[in-house]
C-alpha atoms as a PDB file:
ATOM      1  CA  MET A   1      18.808 -30.539 -43.067  1.00  0.00           C
ATOM      2  CA  SER A   2      17.822 -27.031 -44.018  1.00  0.00           C
ATOM      3  CA  ILE A   3      18.654 -24.227 -41.761  1.00  0.00           C
ATOM      4  CA  PHE A   4      14.803 -23.808 -41.317  1.00  0.00           C
ATOM      5  CA  ASN A   5      14.913 -26.948 -39.670  1.00  0.00           C
ATOM      6  CA  LEU A   6      17.534 -25.876 -37.254  1.00  0.00           C
ATOM      7  CA  GLY A   7      15.609 -23.040 -35.907  1.00  0.00           C
ATOM      8  CA  ARG A   8      12.487 -24.994 -34.931  1.00  0.00           C
ATOM      9  CA  THR A   9      14.566 -27.470 -33.388  1.00  0.00           C
ATOM     10  CA  ALA A  10      16.438 -24.965 -31.542  1.00  0.00           C
ATOM     11  CA  GLN A  11      12.963 -23.252 -30.893  1.00  0.00           C
ATOM     12  CA  GLN A  12      11.899 -26.742 -29.026  1.00  0.00           C
ATOM     13  CA  VAL A  13      14.676 -27.224 -27.116  1.00  0.00           C
ATOM     14  CA  GLY A  14      14.547 -23.806 -26.019  1.00  0.00           C
ATOM     15  CA  GLY A  15      10.885 -24.235 -24.770  1.00  0.00           C
ATOM     16  CA  ALA A  16      11.678 -27.239 -23.096  1.00  0.00           C
ATOM     17  CA  VAL A  17      14.455 -25.874 -21.190  1.00  0.00           C
ATOM     18  CA  ALA A  18      12.030 -22.692 -20.341  1.00  0.00           C
ATOM     19  CA  GLU A  19       9.735 -25.552 -18.690  1.00  0.00           C
ATOM     20  CA  VAL A  20      12.093 -27.335 -16.819  1.00  0.00           C
ATOM     21  CA  ALA A  21      13.692 -23.990 -15.543  1.00  0.00           C
ATOM     22  CA  GLU A  22      10.088 -23.228 -14.349  1.00  0.00           C
ATOM     23  CA  VAL A  23      10.350 -26.661 -12.463  1.00  0.00           C
ATOM     24  CA  PHE A  24      13.429 -24.814 -10.296  1.00  0.00           C
ATOM     25  CA  THR A  25      12.373 -21.227 -10.272  1.00  0.00           C
ATOM     26  CA  ILE A  26       9.132 -19.672  -9.961  1.00  0.00           C
ATOM     27  CA  ASN A  27       7.783 -17.914 -13.268  1.00  0.00           C
ATOM     28  CA  ALA A  28       7.942 -14.264 -12.306  1.00  0.00           C
ATOM     29  CA  THR A  29       5.023 -13.259 -14.722  1.00  0.00           C
ATOM     30  CA  LYS A  30       2.804 -15.595 -13.266  1.00  0.00           C
ATOM     31  CA  ALA A  31       3.653 -15.012  -9.557  1.00  0.00           C
ATOM     32  CA  GLU A  32       2.985 -11.390 -10.064  1.00  0.00           C
ATOM     33  CA  GLN A  33      -0.475 -12.425 -11.966  1.00  0.00           C
ATOM     34  CA  GLY A  34      -1.266 -14.443  -8.973  1.00  0.00           C
ATOM     35  CA  ALA A  35      -0.477 -11.680  -6.153  1.00  0.00           C
ATOM     36  CA  HIS A  36      -2.509  -9.286  -8.579  1.00  0.00           C
ATOM     37  CA  GLU A  37      -5.609 -11.354  -8.615  1.00  0.00           C
ATOM     38  CA  ARG A  38      -5.035 -12.307  -4.714  1.00  0.00           C
ATOM     39  CA  TYR A  39      -4.973  -8.260  -4.037  1.00  0.00           C
ATOM     40  CA  GLN A  40      -7.852  -7.686  -6.262  1.00  0.00           C
ATOM     41  CA  ALA A  41      -9.997 -10.533  -4.498  1.00  0.00           C
ATOM     42  CA  ALA A  42      -9.210  -8.685  -1.271  1.00  0.00           C
ATOM     43  CA  LEU A  43     -10.157  -5.402  -2.353  1.00  0.00           C
ATOM     44  CA  ALA A  44     -13.519  -6.728  -3.324  1.00  0.00           C
ATOM     45  CA  GLN A  45     -14.101  -8.141  -0.398  1.00  0.00           C
ATOM     46  CA  ALA A  46     -13.306  -5.596   1.402  1.00  0.00           C
ATOM     47  CA  GLY A  47     -15.055  -3.000  -0.406  1.00  0.00           C
ATOM     48  CA  ALA A  48     -18.132  -5.111  -0.230  1.00  0.00           C
ATOM     49  CA  GLU A  49     -17.949  -4.962   4.182  1.00  0.00           C
ATOM     50  CA  PHE A  50     -18.209  -1.245   3.388  1.00  0.00           C
ATOM     51  CA  GLN A  51     -20.591  -0.926   0.619  1.00  0.00           C
ATOM     52  CA  HIS A  52     -23.432   0.293   2.648  1.00  0.00           C
ATOM     53  CA  ALA A  53     -23.407   3.128   4.982  1.00  0.00           C
ATOM     54  CA  ARG A  54     -24.238   2.782   8.873  1.00  0.00           C
ATOM     55  CA  GLU A  55     -26.881   5.414   9.989  1.00  0.00           C
ATOM     56  CA  GLY A  56     -27.552   4.510  13.326  1.00  0.00           C
ATOM     57  CA  TRP A  57     -26.944   6.932  16.405  1.00  0.00           C
ATOM     58  CA  PHE A  58     -24.275   5.165  17.647  1.00  0.00           C
ATOM     59  CA  ASP A  59     -22.429   4.995  14.610  1.00  0.00           C
ATOM     60  CA  ARG A  60     -22.754   8.874  14.325  1.00  0.00           C
ATOM     61  CA  PHE A  61     -21.580   9.028  17.763  1.00  0.00           C
ATOM     62  CA  ILE A  62     -18.524   6.657  17.377  1.00  0.00           C
ATOM     63  CA  ASP A  63     -17.533   8.461  14.269  1.00  0.00           C
ATOM     64  CA  GLY A  64     -17.542  11.730  16.348  1.00  0.00           C
ATOM     65  CA  VAL A  65     -15.820  10.036  19.006  1.00  0.00           C
ATOM     66  CA  ASN A  66     -12.680   9.043  16.721  1.00  0.00           C
ATOM     67  CA  ARG A  67     -12.145  12.335  15.007  1.00  0.00           C
ATOM     68  CA  LEU A  68     -11.384  13.776  18.585  1.00  0.00           C
ATOM     69  CA  PRO A  69      -7.791  12.548  19.306  1.00  0.00           C
ATOM     70  CA  ARG A  70      -6.052  14.964  17.207  1.00  0.00           C
ATOM     71  CA  PRO A  71      -7.646  18.272  17.907  1.00  0.00           C
ATOM     72  CA  MET A  72      -7.411  17.057  21.464  1.00  0.00           C
ATOM     73  CA  LEU A  73      -3.532  16.610  21.340  1.00  0.00           C
ATOM     74  CA  ALA A  74      -2.944  19.798  19.643  1.00  0.00           C
ATOM     75  CA  LEU A  75      -5.243  22.257  22.102  1.00  0.00           C
ATOM     76  CA  SER A  76      -4.269  20.406  25.011  1.00  0.00           C
ATOM     77  CA  THR A  77      -0.544  21.031  24.070  1.00  0.00           C
ATOM     78  CA  ILE A  78      -1.471  24.681  23.563  1.00  0.00           C
ATOM     79  CA  ALA A  79      -3.260  24.754  26.969  1.00  0.00           C
ATOM     80  CA  LEU A  80       0.156  23.312  28.382  1.00  0.00           C
ATOM     81  CA  PHE A  81       1.918  26.570  27.373  1.00  0.00           C
ATOM     82  CA  ALA A  82      -0.758  28.790  29.072  1.00  0.00           C
ATOM     83  CA  TYR A  83      -1.006  26.599  32.441  1.00  0.00           C
ATOM     84  CA  ALA A  84       3.021  27.323  32.111  1.00  0.00           C
ATOM     85  CA  MET A  85       2.678  31.106  31.725  1.00  0.00           C
ATOM     86  CA  HIS A  86      -0.107  31.076  34.342  1.00  0.00           C
ATOM     87  CA  ASP A  87       1.070  29.042  37.287  1.00  0.00           C
ATOM     88  CA  PRO A  88       4.791  28.478  36.581  1.00  0.00           C
ATOM     89  CA  VAL A  89       5.145  26.631  40.182  1.00  0.00           C
ATOM     90  CA  GLY A  90       2.256  24.374  39.710  1.00  0.00           C
ATOM     91  CA  PHE A  91       3.538  23.468  36.274  1.00  0.00           C
ATOM     92  CA  SER A  92       6.684  23.032  37.186  1.00  0.00           C
ATOM     93  CA  GLU A  93       5.581  20.295  40.070  1.00  0.00           C
ATOM     94  CA  ARG A  94       3.383  18.755  37.793  1.00  0.00           C
ATOM     95  CA  MET A  95       6.037  18.180  35.382  1.00  0.00           C
ATOM     96  CA  GLN A  96       8.192  16.931  38.339  1.00  0.00           C
ATOM     97  CA  GLY A  97       5.526  14.244  38.437  1.00  0.00           C
ATOM     98  CA  LEU A  98       6.438  12.931  35.058  1.00  0.00           C
ATOM     99  CA  ALA A  99       9.816  12.064  36.120  1.00  0.00           C
ATOM    100  CA  TYR A 100       8.121   9.749  38.265  1.00  0.00           C
ATOM    101  CA  VAL A 101       6.436   8.000  35.495  1.00  0.00           C
ATOM    102  CA  PRO A 102       8.355   4.512  35.048  1.00  0.00           C
ATOM    103  CA  GLU A 103       9.776   4.280  31.462  1.00  0.00           C
ATOM    104  CA  PRO A 104       7.777   0.960  30.127  1.00  0.00           C
ATOM    105  CA  LEU A 105       4.669   3.099  30.191  1.00  0.00           C
ATOM    106  CA  TRP A 106       6.052   6.077  28.291  1.00  0.00           C
ATOM    107  CA  TRP A 107       6.878   3.229  25.723  1.00  0.00           C
ATOM    108  CA  LEU A 108       3.345   1.952  26.164  1.00  0.00           C
ATOM    109  CA  MET A 109       2.042   5.304  25.493  1.00  0.00           C
ATOM    110  CA  GLY A 110       4.382   6.169  22.051  1.00  0.00           C
ATOM    111  CA  ALA A 111       3.217   2.917  20.872  1.00  0.00           C
ATOM    112  CA  VAL A 112      -0.622   3.958  21.393  1.00  0.00           C
ATOM    113  CA  VAL A 113      -0.023   7.369  19.818  1.00  0.00           C
ATOM    114  CA  SER A 114       2.307   5.988  16.887  1.00  0.00           C
ATOM    115  CA  PHE A 115      -0.302   2.895  16.247  1.00  0.00           C
ATOM    116  CA  TYR A 116      -3.309   5.337  15.974  1.00  0.00           C
ATOM    117  CA  PHE A 117      -1.809   7.955  13.529  1.00  0.00           C
ATOM    118  CA  GLY A 118      -0.106   5.085  11.934  1.00  0.00           C
ATOM    119  CA  ALA A 119      -3.414   3.454  11.176  1.00  0.00           C
ATOM    120  CA  ARG A 120      -5.259   6.668  10.346  1.00  0.00           C
ATOM    121  CA  GLU A 121      -2.641   7.334   8.193  1.00  0.00           C
ATOM    122  CA  LEU A 122      -2.547   4.219   6.470  1.00  0.00           C
ATOM    123  CA  HIS A 123      -6.118   4.374   6.011  1.00  0.00           C
ATOM    124  CA  HIS A 124      -5.971   7.012   4.363  1.00  0.00           C
ATOM    125  CA  PHE A 125      -3.210   6.368   2.382  1.00  0.00           C
ATOM    126  CA  ARG A 126      -5.298   3.346   0.620  1.00  0.00           C
ATOM    127  CA  GLY A 127      -8.035   5.607  -0.144  1.00  0.00           C
ATOM    128  CA  TYR A 128      -5.823   7.754  -2.543  1.00  0.00           C
ATOM    129  CA  GLN A 129      -6.401   7.241  -5.617  1.00  0.00           C
ATOM    130  CA  PRO A 130      -3.923   9.389  -8.206  1.00  0.00           C
ATOM    131  CA  ASN A 131      -4.970  11.126 -11.290  1.00  0.00           C
ATOM    132  CA  ILE A 132      -3.079   8.763 -13.551  1.00  0.00           C
ATOM    133  CA  PRO A 133      -3.961   9.544 -17.436  1.00  0.00           C
ATOM    134  CA  ALA A 134      -5.598   6.596 -19.447  1.00  0.00           C
ATOM    135  CA  VAL A 135      -2.604   6.464 -22.001  1.00  0.00           C
ATOM    136  CA  ALA A 136      -0.289   5.716 -18.971  1.00  0.00           C
ATOM    137  CA  LEU A 137      -2.058   2.948 -17.800  1.00  0.00           C
ATOM    138  CA  ARG A 138      -1.548   1.396 -21.194  1.00  0.00           C
ATOM    139  CA  PRO A 139       1.019  -1.024 -21.371  1.00  0.00           C
ATOM    140  CA  ALA A 140       3.837  -0.479 -23.847  1.00  0.00           C
ATOM    141  CA  PRO A 141       4.641  -2.702 -26.806  1.00  0.00           C
ATOM    142  CA  LEU A 142       7.209  -5.536 -26.061  1.00  0.00           C
ATOM    143  CA  GLU A 143       9.193  -4.643 -29.184  1.00  0.00           C
ATOM    144  CA  PRO A 144       9.121  -1.527 -31.395  1.00  0.00           C
ATOM    145  CA  GLU A 145       7.477  -1.712 -34.739  1.00  0.00           C
ATOM    146  CA  ASN A 146       9.994  -3.079 -37.328  1.00  0.00           C
ATOM    147  CA  SER A 147       8.396  -2.644 -40.598  1.00  0.00           C
ATOM    148  CA  ALA A 148      11.719  -4.622 -42.361  1.00  0.00           C
ATOM    149  CA  LEU A 149      11.201  -7.314 -40.116  1.00  0.00           C
ATOM    150  CA  ALA A 150       7.093  -7.560 -40.803  1.00  0.00           C
ATOM    151  CA  ASP A 151       8.008  -7.445 -44.469  1.00  0.00           C
ATOM    152  CA  TRP A 152      10.498 -10.274 -44.305  1.00  0.00           C
ATOM    153  CA  GLN A 153       7.841 -12.612 -42.006  1.00  0.00           C
ATOM    154  CA  ALA A 154       5.201 -11.571 -44.518  1.00  0.00           C
ATOM    155  CA  GLN A 155       7.443 -12.936 -47.269  1.00  0.00           C
ATOM    156  CA  LYS A 156       8.372 -16.071 -45.345  1.00  0.00           C
ATOM    157  CA  THR A 157       4.792 -17.501 -45.058  1.00  0.00           C
END
């Protein structure tokens, strides 16, 4: 038995062990490829839904309404300071009235505001496309080029 036969036998045994191991554990590369394909399919489906912009008056109205909450919250906060300076007694009476709002209602208010701004942030984050040079997107070679190994393999064949 030559040393080269032993090498092929070892490769065959290693391949068989790898196939048996995949029965018990997930192949990470295949799992990542499947996840990537599912993600690309979901993006394509969502992209097809929004391919054509709607131009009706109702759509423009709703877009305008969707842009109101942040400026209204900012302006109303500033208005509260102005109101406190203009009518301190009336302001303090109204702030005491807020103390009677039940705690679960405050939690609900916090959840609504958090989900609104969280969804808005997520919407803008998903649309973010970083400017990555094409060189960085190319996969690196698995092994560095070894000229001595290439020469040896060329002589072997």
